[in-house]
Amino acid sequence: MTSSKNHIAASEMSRLSRALPFWLSLGLIPLAWLCAFIGGWSIALLPLVTWFLFSILDAAVGLNLDNNDPQTSEDDLFWYRLITLIWVPLQIITVFGLIFYATRAPHLGGWEKVFLFFGVGVITGTVGINYSHELMHQRNRLERLWADLLLAMVLYSHFRSEHLLVHHRYVATPRDPVTALYNEGFHRFYPRVLRQSFKSAFRAEAAMLARKDKPWTDLSNPFFKYWALQAGFLLAALILGGWAGLGLFLVQAGVAIWQLELVNYIEHYGLTRKHLGDGKYEHVQPRHSWNASHKASNWLLINLQRHSDHHYKPDRRFPVLQTYRATEAPQLPYGYPVMTMAAMIPPLWRRMMNPRVRKWRAMYYPEITDWRHYKAGTNPLPR
């Protein structure tokens, strides 16, 4: 079903050299410290590198249409898995180390500190939340704990419950808050998803407990762990940097959440699963997520842009996610760094994406002649 120039054998995957491009994201950690030490103009480097450098690299190195063997063993993926495990302690040290340092650094003015932590939020959102996404899908307890730590550090712990229990089950249906509707601008999507995703995550966990005849107040409800971890990180920021440190922590958390929801916005914009009647919808297929094969931004985002395959096979680790031909999954014109910037300009976004959504409809669902309920999200809720 998938398209590739080459199919990389599992034996090749075990080589460190194959994994090294994905280690580029770790370079953002020393860059954050360098920005703090230098101050001034250097503060702009974190967002510039994350958004613009990888966009330029995408244009230079092009697409990666190769697919790795999806049957590759966990042992052969060691060097890939290690990236996400190393990132967690590095991010904790960086966020709280910089809070301690910046609040005491005489060479950093007030706005320099704010913009520094804006940049920190760009990397905790672009890389940290993305790595938590990879880790939360694993069965290993350590990896799931690591995912919870990364999400608590940006005060968005409920994302795990929402993503696993709601988004993957109901994607591209009216029950999924994270699926952006056709013509829904990001400025409308963002406040809506902030409000609805928390509620849907809480309800999903409460419903799971109810099926076990337990109330939502039962201590097995993960929301108690979420709140405890978030409170712990808020307290750590206050202790290390006082009220200024707490404020800087909130800046990076806010930027990280904004980054996450920008990505959520572009991943399924305008795409819908066919309603089969009586609240039943077709199964999730690669065509229900936007795919992007841009090589450099997939290095940064550990193949998150192969999102069509992630929803089709959610248990696959990032190195073995497959890419698809344009006849099998809708394709984004650029990688996520460019697309997220475009999403913040609604007229530009609609000009880029609405024709592609209409082409997608004609390609996959020529039998549907009335799209009004799909566009408005007013089809019956899935059972």
Protein backbone atom coordinates (compact mmCIF):
# COMPACT_ATOMS: atom_id res chain seq x y z
CA MET A 1 0.00 0.00 0.00
CA THR A 2 2.82 2.40 0.82
CA SER A 3 5.15 4.02 -1.64
CA SER A 4 8.92 4.06 -1.30
CA LYS A 5 12.02 4.30 -3.43
CA ASN A 6 13.71 1.77 -1.17
CA HIS A 7 12.59 -0.47 1.63
CA ILE A 8 15.27 -0.31 4.33
CA ALA A 9 16.01 -3.69 5.89
CA ALA A 10 15.83 -4.17 9.67
CA SER A 11 19.56 -5.00 9.80
CA GLU A 12 20.37 -1.55 8.41
CA MET A 13 18.19 0.14 11.02
CA SER A 14 20.39 -0.96 13.91
CA ARG A 15 23.28 1.25 12.77
CA LEU A 16 23.86 4.48 14.71
CA SER A 17 24.52 6.34 11.46
CA ARG A 18 20.91 5.68 10.38
CA ALA A 19 19.56 7.28 13.55
CA LEU A 20 21.95 10.24 13.75
CA PRO A 21 19.87 12.73 11.69
CA PHE A 22 17.08 12.43 14.28
CA TRP A 23 19.54 13.45 17.00
CA LEU A 24 19.66 16.98 15.53
CA SER A 25 16.93 18.11 17.93
CA LEU A 26 19.30 17.62 20.87
CA GLY A 27 21.33 20.54 19.51
CA LEU A 28 18.55 22.87 20.64
CA ILE A 29 19.51 22.27 24.28
CA PRO A 30 23.01 23.83 24.13
CA LEU A 31 21.59 26.52 21.86
CA ALA A 32 19.11 27.52 24.59
CA TRP A 33 21.95 27.84 27.11
CA LEU A 34 24.05 29.81 24.62
CA CYS A 35 21.18 32.26 24.11
CA ALA A 36 20.90 32.75 27.87
CA PHE A 37 24.63 33.33 28.30
CA ILE A 38 24.93 35.82 25.43
CA GLY A 39 21.54 37.55 25.63
CA GLY A 40 20.68 40.39 23.26
CA TRP A 41 20.09 39.45 19.63
CA SER A 42 20.87 35.78 20.27
CA ILE A 43 17.52 35.36 22.03
CA ALA A 44 15.90 35.11 18.59
CA LEU A 45 17.93 32.04 17.62
CA LEU A 46 15.68 29.40 19.20
CA PRO A 47 12.53 30.18 17.17
CA LEU A 48 14.58 31.08 14.09
CA VAL A 49 16.41 27.74 14.08
CA THR A 50 13.31 25.70 14.89
CA TRP A 51 10.96 27.37 12.41
CA PHE A 52 13.13 28.77 9.64
CA LEU A 53 16.36 26.74 9.52
CA PHE A 54 14.50 23.45 9.19
CA SER A 55 12.24 25.01 6.55
CA ILE A 56 15.32 26.00 4.56
CA LEU A 57 16.79 22.53 5.04
CA ASP A 58 13.55 21.00 3.77
CA ALA A 59 13.88 23.01 0.58
CA ALA A 60 17.52 21.97 0.25
CA VAL A 61 17.35 18.24 1.00
CA GLY A 62 13.86 17.51 -0.33
CA LEU A 63 11.66 14.54 0.45
CA ASN A 64 12.38 11.17 2.00
CA LEU A 65 10.20 8.56 0.31
CA ASP A 66 12.02 5.55 1.76
CA ASN A 67 10.21 3.25 4.16
CA ASN A 68 11.88 1.22 6.87
CA ASP A 69 10.82 -2.34 7.57
CA PRO A 70 7.81 -2.08 9.95
CA GLN A 71 8.77 -5.44 11.47
CA THR A 72 12.09 -4.06 12.77
CA SER A 73 12.69 -5.28 16.34
CA GLU A 74 12.89 -3.09 19.44
CA ASP A 75 16.59 -3.98 19.78
CA ASP A 76 17.34 -2.73 16.28
CA LEU A 77 15.63 0.57 17.15
CA PHE A 78 17.82 1.23 20.20
CA TRP A 79 19.54 4.36 18.85
CA TYR A 80 16.19 5.87 17.87
CA ARG A 81 14.47 5.12 21.18
CA LEU A 82 17.42 6.57 23.11
CA ILE A 83 16.78 10.04 21.66
CA THR A 84 13.40 10.38 23.36
CA LEU A 85 14.66 8.94 26.64
CA ILE A 86 17.66 11.30 26.80
CA TRP A 87 15.55 14.35 25.98
CA VAL A 88 13.43 14.13 29.14
CA PRO A 89 16.14 14.77 31.77
CA LEU A 90 17.81 17.29 29.44
CA GLN A 91 14.58 19.28 29.14
CA ILE A 92 13.99 19.24 32.91
CA ILE A 93 17.55 20.44 33.58
CA THR A 94 17.30 23.10 30.88
CA VAL A 95 13.91 24.57 31.83
CA PHE A 96 14.58 24.75 35.55
CA GLY A 97 18.29 25.50 35.21
CA LEU A 98 17.46 28.46 32.97
CA ILE A 99 14.80 29.66 35.42
CA PHE A 100 17.43 29.67 38.17
CA TYR A 101 20.05 31.30 35.92
CA ALA A 102 17.92 33.87 34.07
CA THR A 103 16.25 35.29 37.16
CA ARG A 104 19.72 36.04 38.56
CA ALA A 105 21.55 37.09 35.37
CA PRO A 106 22.33 40.84 35.44
CA HIS A 107 22.99 40.97 31.69
CA LEU A 108 19.44 39.88 30.84
CA GLY A 109 16.74 42.54 30.86
CA GLY A 110 13.11 41.76 31.61
CA TRP A 111 12.03 41.44 27.99
CA GLU A 112 15.12 39.40 27.15
CA LYS A 113 14.09 36.89 29.80
CA VAL A 114 10.55 36.75 28.43
CA PHE A 115 11.73 36.24 24.85
CA LEU A 116 14.27 33.66 26.01
CA PHE A 117 11.47 31.61 27.55
CA PHE A 118 9.34 32.18 24.47
CA GLY A 119 12.14 30.35 22.64
CA VAL A 120 12.28 27.68 25.35
CA GLY A 121 8.53 27.18 24.86
CA VAL A 122 9.10 26.72 21.14
CA ILE A 123 11.40 23.76 21.82
CA THR A 124 9.37 22.28 24.71
CA GLY A 125 6.35 22.43 22.41
CA THR A 126 7.95 21.45 19.11
CA VAL A 127 10.25 18.75 20.51
CA GLY A 128 9.18 18.04 24.09
CA ILE A 129 5.46 17.51 23.47
CA ASN A 130 6.22 15.65 20.26
CA TYR A 131 8.52 13.26 22.13
CA SER A 132 5.85 12.83 24.82
CA HIS A 133 3.49 11.86 22.01
CA GLU A 134 5.88 9.12 20.91
CA LEU A 135 6.40 7.91 24.49
CA MET A 136 2.72 7.85 25.52
CA HIS A 137 1.95 5.37 22.75
CA GLN A 138 4.36 2.81 24.21
CA ARG A 139 3.49 0.10 26.72
CA ASN A 140 6.68 0.50 28.72
CA ARG A 141 5.95 2.12 32.11
CA LEU A 142 9.12 4.23 32.08
CA GLU A 143 8.29 5.69 28.68
CA ARG A 144 4.74 6.52 29.77
CA LEU A 145 6.08 8.19 32.92
CA TRP A 146 8.52 10.18 30.78
CA ALA A 147 5.58 11.28 28.61
CA ASP A 148 3.68 12.45 31.71
CA LEU A 149 6.70 14.45 32.90
CA LEU A 150 7.07 16.25 29.58
CA LEU A 151 3.37 17.12 29.45
CA ALA A 152 3.24 18.25 33.08
CA MET A 153 6.16 20.57 32.37
CA VAL A 154 3.94 22.50 29.97
CA LEU A 155 0.77 22.17 32.11
CA TYR A 156 -0.99 20.07 29.48
CA SER A 157 -1.09 16.65 31.08
CA HIS A 158 -4.64 15.88 29.97
CA PHE A 159 -3.33 15.68 26.40
CA ARG A 160 -2.38 12.04 27.04
CA SER A 161 -5.93 11.05 27.97
CA GLU A 162 -7.47 13.14 25.20
CA HIS A 163 -5.09 11.83 22.57
CA LEU A 164 -5.27 8.13 23.42
CA LEU A 165 -8.92 7.83 24.46
CA VAL A 166 -10.63 10.44 22.28
CA HIS A 167 -8.55 11.64 19.34
CA HIS A 168 -7.41 8.28 18.00
CA ARG A 169 -10.85 6.76 18.38
CA TYR A 170 -12.92 9.63 16.99
CA VAL A 171 -10.53 11.45 14.64
CA ALA A 172 -12.24 13.08 11.65
CA THR A 173 -15.69 12.81 13.27
CA PRO A 174 -17.76 15.44 15.14
CA ARG A 175 -16.77 13.88 18.48
CA ASP A 176 -13.08 14.77 18.07
CA PRO A 177 -12.34 18.34 19.25
CA VAL A 178 -8.88 18.26 17.67
CA THR A 179 -10.04 17.75 14.08
CA ALA A 180 -10.18 21.24 12.56
CA LEU A 181 -13.27 21.87 10.45
CA TYR A 182 -13.14 23.10 6.87
CA ASN A 183 -12.84 26.93 6.87
CA GLU A 184 -12.27 27.01 10.65
CA GLY A 185 -9.43 29.48 11.20
CA PHE A 186 -6.80 28.77 13.81
CA HIS A 187 -7.93 31.82 15.83
CA ARG A 188 -11.30 30.05 16.31
CA PHE A 189 -9.92 26.53 16.57
CA TYR A 190 -7.45 27.38 19.35
CA PRO A 191 -9.84 28.60 22.08
CA ARG A 192 -12.34 25.93 21.13
CA VAL A 193 -9.86 23.08 21.42
CA LEU A 194 -8.46 24.39 24.72
CA ARG A 195 -11.92 24.27 26.19
CA GLN A 196 -13.25 21.10 24.61
CA SER A 197 -10.20 18.85 24.80
CA PHE A 198 -9.90 19.15 28.58
CA LYS A 199 -13.59 18.31 29.00
CA SER A 200 -13.46 15.37 26.59
CA ALA A 201 -10.33 13.97 28.24
CA PHE A 202 -11.86 14.18 31.71
CA ARG A 203 -15.11 12.60 30.54
CA ALA A 204 -13.25 9.77 28.83
CA GLU A 205 -11.32 8.89 32.00
CA ALA A 206 -14.49 9.18 34.13
CA ALA A 207 -16.31 6.88 31.71
CA MET A 208 -13.53 4.29 31.97
CA LEU A 209 -13.81 4.37 35.76
CA ALA A 210 -17.59 4.15 35.59
CA ARG A 211 -17.31 0.93 33.59
CA LYS A 212 -15.40 -0.46 36.58
CA ASP A 213 -18.08 0.86 38.97
CA LYS A 214 -15.70 3.51 40.30
CA PRO A 215 -16.38 7.26 40.70
CA TRP A 216 -14.20 9.88 39.01
CA THR A 217 -12.78 10.68 42.46
CA ASP A 218 -11.11 7.25 42.62
CA LEU A 219 -7.36 7.70 43.03
CA SER A 220 -6.72 5.57 39.96
CA ASN A 221 -7.99 8.51 37.88
CA PRO A 222 -4.81 9.75 36.14
CA PHE A 223 -5.95 13.35 36.51
CA PHE A 224 -4.80 13.24 40.13
CA LYS A 225 -1.32 12.31 38.91
CA TYR A 226 -1.52 15.02 36.25
CA TRP A 227 -2.43 17.69 38.81
CA ALA A 228 0.24 16.53 41.28
CA LEU A 229 2.99 16.63 38.64
CA GLN A 230 1.91 20.05 37.37
CA ALA A 231 1.76 21.45 40.91
CA GLY A 232 5.22 20.05 41.59
CA PHE A 233 6.70 21.77 38.54
CA LEU A 234 4.97 25.07 39.37
CA LEU A 235 6.36 24.88 42.90
CA ALA A 236 9.86 24.11 41.58
CA ALA A 237 9.73 27.17 39.32
CA LEU A 238 8.62 29.33 42.25
CA ILE A 239 11.36 28.02 44.54
CA LEU A 240 14.12 28.37 41.95
CA GLY A 241 13.16 31.75 40.51
CA GLY A 242 10.55 33.35 42.74
CA TRP A 243 7.50 34.95 41.16
CA ALA A 244 9.58 35.94 38.13
CA GLY A 245 10.63 32.33 37.69
CA LEU A 246 7.03 31.20 37.92
CA GLY A 247 6.06 33.76 35.30
CA LEU A 248 8.82 32.57 32.94
CA PHE A 249 7.69 28.98 33.44
CA LEU A 250 4.15 29.98 32.47
CA VAL A 251 5.45 31.77 29.36
CA GLN A 252 7.19 28.64 28.08
CA ALA A 253 4.18 26.46 28.91
CA GLY A 254 1.81 28.79 27.05
CA VAL A 255 4.02 28.89 23.96
CA ALA A 256 4.42 25.10 24.03
CA ILE A 257 0.64 24.55 24.13
CA TRP A 258 0.19 27.02 21.28
CA GLN A 259 2.82 25.09 19.27
CA LEU A 260 1.08 21.78 19.94
CA GLU A 261 -2.33 23.02 18.88
CA LEU A 262 -0.91 24.58 15.72
CA VAL A 263 0.32 21.12 14.78
CA ASN A 264 -2.99 19.51 15.76
CA TYR A 265 -4.75 22.07 13.57
CA ILE A 266 -2.84 21.21 10.40
CA GLU A 267 -2.76 17.42 10.84
CA HIS A 268 -6.44 16.80 10.00
CA TYR A 269 -7.75 20.13 8.69
CA GLY A 270 -10.94 19.63 6.70
CA LEU A 271 -10.67 15.83 6.58
CA THR A 272 -13.65 13.69 7.57
CA ARG A 273 -14.55 10.04 7.83
CA LYS A 274 -17.63 9.00 5.89
CA HIS A 275 -20.80 8.70 7.96
CA LEU A 276 -22.32 5.30 7.20
CA GLY A 277 -25.61 6.03 8.96
CA ASP A 278 -26.96 5.48 12.47
CA GLY A 279 -23.88 7.05 14.09
CA LYS A 280 -21.47 4.64 12.40
CA TYR A 281 -18.34 5.87 10.60
CA GLU A 282 -15.85 4.17 8.33
CA HIS A 283 -12.61 2.89 9.88
CA VAL A 284 -9.64 5.25 10.08
CA GLN A 285 -7.49 5.10 6.95
CA PRO A 286 -4.30 6.88 5.86
CA ARG A 287 -6.46 9.31 3.87
CA HIS A 288 -7.84 10.81 7.10
CA SER A 289 -4.58 12.59 8.03
CA TRP A 290 -2.33 14.93 6.08
CA ASN A 291 1.00 13.32 5.16
CA ALA A 292 4.33 15.10 4.65
CA SER A 293 7.58 13.46 3.56
CA HIS A 294 9.85 16.48 4.01
CA LYS A 295 13.14 15.08 5.18
CA ALA A 296 14.65 17.72 7.49
CA SER A 297 11.47 18.59 9.40
CA ASN A 298 10.84 14.87 9.88
CA TRP A 299 14.30 14.65 11.47
CA LEU A 300 13.31 17.42 13.89
CA LEU A 301 9.85 15.97 14.55
CA ILE A 302 10.84 12.28 14.56
CA ASN A 303 8.56 11.45 11.63
CA LEU A 304 5.44 13.04 13.13
CA GLN A 305 4.64 14.30 9.64
CA ARG A 306 4.09 10.69 8.55
CA HIS A 307 0.84 11.21 10.38
CA SER A 308 -1.28 9.22 7.97
CA ASP A 309 0.49 6.03 9.01
CA HIS A 310 0.51 6.97 12.68
CA HIS A 311 -3.30 7.02 12.75
CA TYR A 312 -3.51 3.92 10.59
CA LYS A 313 -1.08 1.99 12.82
CA PRO A 314 -0.76 3.91 16.14
CA ASP A 315 1.50 1.33 17.79
CA ARG A 316 4.35 1.81 15.32
CA ARG A 317 7.45 3.55 16.68
CA PHE A 318 8.53 6.62 14.78
CA PRO A 319 11.46 5.10 12.77
CA VAL A 320 9.16 2.58 11.07
CA LEU A 321 6.26 4.91 10.24
CA GLN A 322 5.53 4.61 6.53
CA THR A 323 4.99 7.31 3.96
CA TYR A 324 2.32 7.16 1.24
CA ARG A 325 1.75 8.09 -2.36
CA ALA A 326 -0.51 11.03 -3.15
CA THR A 327 -3.14 8.55 -4.36
CA GLU A 328 -3.22 6.93 -0.88
CA ALA A 329 -3.02 9.89 1.50
CA PRO A 330 -3.42 13.67 1.11
CA GLN A 331 -0.10 15.52 0.96
CA LEU A 332 0.88 18.81 2.57
CA PRO A 333 2.73 21.17 0.24
CA TYR A 334 5.39 21.96 2.86
CA GLY A 335 6.68 20.59 6.16
CA TYR A 336 5.15 21.49 9.51
CA PRO A 337 7.40 24.51 10.21
CA VAL A 338 6.10 26.32 7.12
CA MET A 339 2.55 25.03 7.52
CA THR A 340 2.25 26.15 11.16
CA MET A 341 3.37 29.64 10.19
CA ALA A 342 0.81 29.69 7.38
CA ALA A 343 -1.91 28.51 9.79
CA MET A 344 -1.52 31.73 11.77
CA ILE A 345 -2.59 33.71 8.68
CA PRO A 346 -6.14 32.43 7.94
CA PRO A 347 -6.54 33.92 4.40
CA LEU A 348 -3.19 32.43 3.35
CA TRP A 349 -4.06 29.10 4.96
CA ARG A 350 -7.42 28.86 3.21
CA ARG A 351 -5.83 29.75 -0.13
CA MET A 352 -3.27 26.95 0.34
CA MET A 353 -5.45 24.25 1.85
CA ASN A 354 -9.09 24.63 0.82
CA PRO A 355 -8.46 23.60 -2.81
CA ARG A 356 -6.58 20.55 -1.51
CA VAL A 357 -9.50 19.60 0.74
CA ARG A 358 -11.91 19.89 -2.18
CA LYS A 359 -9.61 17.76 -4.34
CA TRP A 360 -9.44 15.18 -1.51
CA ARG A 361 -13.25 15.01 -1.39
CA ALA A 362 -13.54 14.50 -5.12
CA MET A 363 -10.82 11.82 -5.09
CA TYR A 364 -12.06 9.69 -2.20
CA TYR A 365 -15.78 10.44 -1.87
CA PRO A 366 -17.25 11.32 -5.28
CA GLU A 367 -20.55 9.80 -4.14
CA ILE A 368 -21.02 12.49 -1.46
CA THR A 369 -22.71 15.48 -3.07
CA ASP A 370 -23.78 17.40 0.03
CA TRP A 371 -20.87 18.32 2.32
CA ARG A 372 -22.74 20.81 4.51
CA HIS A 373 -22.95 18.62 7.64
CA TYR A 374 -19.33 17.51 7.25
CA LYS A 375 -18.14 21.10 6.91
CA ALA A 376 -20.11 22.27 9.94
CA GLY A 377 -19.38 19.20 12.06
CA THR A 378 -23.10 18.54 12.49
CA ASN A 379 -23.22 14.90 11.42
CA PRO A 380 -24.49 12.51 14.14
CA LEU A 381 -21.99 11.81 16.92
CA PRO A 382 -20.30 8.42 16.55
CA ARG A 383 -21.60 5.70 18.80
